[in-house]
Protein backbone atom coordinates (compact mmCIF):
# COMPACT_ATOMS: atom_id res chain seq x y z
CA MET A 1 5.66 11.91 4.50
CA ILE A 2 3.58 8.78 4.14
CA MET A 3 1.33 7.99 7.07
CA GLU A 4 1.80 4.70 8.83
CA PRO A 5 -0.14 1.86 7.17
CA MET A 6 -2.44 1.23 10.13
CA GLU A 7 -3.33 4.93 10.46
CA PHE A 8 -4.50 4.83 6.87
CA PHE A 9 -7.24 2.31 7.69
CA LEU A 10 -8.65 3.92 10.81
CA PHE A 11 -11.13 5.89 8.73
CA ALA A 12 -12.36 3.11 6.44
CA THR A 13 -15.86 2.00 7.34
CA SER A 14 -16.58 -0.58 4.65
CA TYR A 15 -14.76 -3.19 2.59
CA GLN A 16 -15.01 -1.09 -0.58
CA GLN A 17 -13.75 2.04 1.19
CA ALA A 18 -10.81 0.11 2.64
CA LYS A 19 -10.05 -1.36 -0.80
CA ASN A 20 -10.08 2.11 -2.36
CA LYS A 21 -7.88 3.47 0.43
CA ILE A 22 -5.26 0.73 0.02
CA ARG A 23 -5.29 1.34 -3.73
CA ASP A 24 -4.81 5.08 -3.13
CA LEU A 25 -2.05 4.45 -0.59
CA ALA A 26 -0.21 2.17 -3.02
CA ALA A 27 -0.44 4.75 -5.80
CA TYR A 28 0.76 7.51 -3.49
CA TRP A 29 3.60 5.36 -2.13
CA GLN A 30 4.73 4.53 -5.64
CA SER A 31 4.59 8.14 -6.85
CA ASP A 32 6.44 9.41 -3.76
CA PHE A 33 9.07 6.65 -3.82
CA GLY A 34 11.78 8.84 -5.33
CA ASN A 35 11.45 11.40 -2.54
CA ASN A 36 12.41 8.88 0.15
CA ASN A 37 15.54 6.99 1.07
CA TYR A 38 14.18 3.64 2.25
CA SER A 39 16.36 1.05 3.93
CA TRP A 40 16.16 -2.56 2.80
CA LEU A 41 14.14 -3.34 5.93
CA GLU A 42 11.62 -0.58 5.22
CA LEU A 43 11.23 -1.79 1.62
CA LEU A 44 10.63 -5.32 2.87
CA GLN A 45 8.04 -4.11 5.36
CA TRP A 46 6.16 -2.09 2.72
CA GLN A 47 6.29 -5.00 0.27
CA GLU A 48 4.92 -7.36 2.91
CA PHE A 49 2.20 -4.89 3.89
CA PHE A 50 1.07 -4.39 0.29
CA SER A 51 1.22 -8.14 -0.42
CA ILE A 52 -1.02 -8.94 2.53
CA LYS A 53 -3.50 -6.18 1.70
CA ALA A 54 -3.50 -7.10 -2.01
CA LYS A 55 -4.53 -10.67 -1.12
CA GLN A 56 -7.09 -9.42 1.39
CA TYR A 57 -8.76 -7.03 -1.07
CA GLY A 58 -8.29 -8.87 -4.37
CA LEU A 59 -5.70 -6.46 -5.75
CA VAL A 60 -2.85 -8.90 -6.45
CA ASN A 61 -2.97 -8.68 -10.25
CA GLU A 62 -3.39 -4.90 -10.21
CA PHE A 63 -0.49 -4.41 -7.80
CA ARG A 64 1.76 -6.76 -9.79
CA GLU A 65 0.96 -4.97 -13.05
CA ASN A 66 1.78 -1.63 -11.43
CA GLY A 67 5.00 -2.83 -9.77
CA ILE A 68 3.77 -2.46 -6.20
CA ILE A 69 4.46 -6.11 -5.32
């Protein structure tokens, strides 16, 4: 099961660590996607979360290339 997005960032102490953690979370979420049955609302919430974090950490191009957003 994927941890809640905010729980994921409780342990990040620097910008670079947080950026690496969001990148890792996105990769894990994408690889585990087939094992979950997300509702449309849950998909929208994850997409919004990753869009906001991608803008915050400069990962927009990377996430678009990898199909995260």
